[in-house]
Amino acid sequence: MTKKKKESNDWENLRDELLLDAETKEEYERLEPEFAIIREIMKYRIDNDITQKELAELVGTKQSNISRFENGNYNPSLKFLKKIAEGLGKKLVVCLE
């Protein structure tokens, strides 16, 4: 098993264990939309060999802003998310379910 796969399994096991607690599960579900967009952007950036610095240059911001966003320490505006999408050659789509 590769180190990356082991880390993924470790995280999934820990997440599953933590989600057994009702309060933790409720908070996790409340934050899921924010984490979903972060995961999607990070995955696309990494899969396409784009560094945080390169993405920042495409977006017209600082690398530290991309880092804070990816770490969940920044509450981005729709304008910021749109800039990131455009920088990655994508279109931001927002929907309500």
Protein backbone atom coordinates (compact mmCIF):
# COMPACT_ATOMS: atom_id res chain seq x y z
CA MET A 1 0.00 0.00 0.00
CA THR A 2 1.38 3.41 -0.91
CA LYS A 3 1.88 6.07 1.75
CA LYS A 4 -0.77 8.28 0.13
CA LYS A 5 -3.32 5.46 0.12
CA LYS A 6 -2.53 4.60 3.78
CA GLU A 7 -2.97 8.25 4.81
CA SER A 8 -6.29 8.33 2.97
CA ASN A 9 -7.46 5.18 4.75
CA ASP A 10 -6.30 6.55 8.11
CA TRP A 11 -8.26 9.75 7.50
CA GLU A 12 -11.37 7.87 6.38
CA ASN A 13 -11.25 5.63 9.47
CA LEU A 14 -10.84 8.61 11.79
CA ARG A 15 -13.64 10.51 10.03
CA ASP A 16 -15.98 7.53 10.30
CA GLU A 17 -15.20 7.16 14.00
CA LEU A 18 -15.75 10.87 14.70
CA LEU A 19 -19.03 10.89 12.77
CA LEU A 20 -20.51 8.40 15.21
CA ASP A 21 -21.02 11.40 17.52
CA ALA A 22 -24.31 13.13 16.58
CA GLU A 23 -23.07 16.69 17.24
CA THR A 24 -19.88 16.13 15.25
CA LYS A 25 -21.87 14.62 12.39
CA GLU A 26 -24.27 17.58 12.34
CA GLU A 27 -21.40 20.10 12.20
CA TYR A 28 -19.59 18.05 9.54
CA GLU A 29 -22.70 18.04 7.36
CA ARG A 30 -23.20 21.77 7.91
CA LEU A 31 -19.67 22.51 6.69
CA GLU A 32 -19.65 19.96 3.85
CA PRO A 33 -20.51 22.42 1.03
CA GLU A 34 -17.50 24.57 1.95
CA PHE A 35 -15.18 21.60 2.13
CA ALA A 36 -16.55 20.16 -1.12
CA ILE A 37 -15.56 23.21 -3.16
CA ILE A 38 -12.15 23.33 -1.48
CA ARG A 39 -11.56 19.63 -2.25
CA GLU A 40 -12.68 20.04 -5.86
CA ILE A 41 -10.42 23.02 -6.51
CA MET A 42 -7.44 21.41 -4.79
CA LYS A 43 -7.91 18.17 -6.70
CA TYR A 44 -8.11 19.95 -10.04
CA ARG A 45 -5.09 22.10 -9.20
CA ILE A 46 -2.98 19.14 -8.10
CA ASP A 47 -4.12 16.85 -10.93
CA ASN A 48 -3.07 19.54 -13.39
CA ASP A 49 0.28 20.25 -11.71
CA ILE A 50 -0.64 23.83 -10.84
CA THR A 51 1.05 25.21 -7.72
CA GLN A 52 -0.68 27.53 -5.29
CA LYS A 53 1.61 30.30 -6.50
CA GLU A 54 0.69 29.66 -10.14
CA LEU A 55 -3.01 29.63 -9.29
CA ALA A 56 -2.60 32.87 -7.34
CA GLU A 57 -1.00 34.48 -10.39
CA LEU A 58 -3.86 33.27 -12.60
CA VAL A 59 -6.41 34.65 -10.13
CA GLY A 60 -4.60 37.91 -9.41
CA THR A 61 -4.10 37.29 -5.71
CA LYS A 62 -1.36 36.21 -3.32
CA GLN A 63 -0.28 32.60 -2.78
CA SER A 64 -1.09 33.05 0.92
CA ASN A 65 -4.75 33.69 0.02
CA ILE A 66 -4.90 30.43 -1.93
CA SER A 67 -3.26 28.62 0.98
CA ARG A 68 -5.71 30.05 3.52
CA PHE A 69 -8.61 29.11 1.24
CA GLU A 70 -7.37 25.54 0.80
CA ASN A 71 -6.80 25.20 4.54
CA GLY A 72 -10.36 26.32 5.26
CA ASN A 73 -9.15 29.48 7.02
CA TYR A 74 -10.76 31.88 4.57
CA ASN A 75 -14.43 32.38 3.83
CA PRO A 76 -14.33 33.16 0.10
CA SER A 77 -16.79 35.37 -1.67
CA LEU A 78 -18.54 34.16 -4.79
CA LYS A 79 -16.40 36.68 -6.69
CA PHE A 80 -13.23 34.99 -5.38
CA LEU A 81 -14.54 31.51 -6.25
CA LYS A 82 -15.45 32.75 -9.72
CA LYS A 83 -11.91 34.10 -10.21
CA ILE A 84 -10.45 30.76 -9.15
CA ALA A 85 -12.74 28.89 -11.54
CA GLU A 86 -11.84 31.21 -14.40
CA GLY A 87 -8.14 30.93 -13.54
CA LEU A 88 -8.47 27.16 -13.86
CA GLY A 89 -10.36 27.49 -17.14
CA LYS A 90 -13.61 26.45 -15.50
CA LYS A 91 -17.02 27.96 -14.91
CA LEU A 92 -18.43 28.37 -11.39
CA VAL A 93 -21.90 26.85 -11.08
CA VAL A 94 -23.98 27.39 -7.93
CA CYS A 95 -27.24 25.61 -7.24
CA LEU A 96 -29.73 25.13 -4.44
CA GLU A 97 -31.16 21.71 -3.74
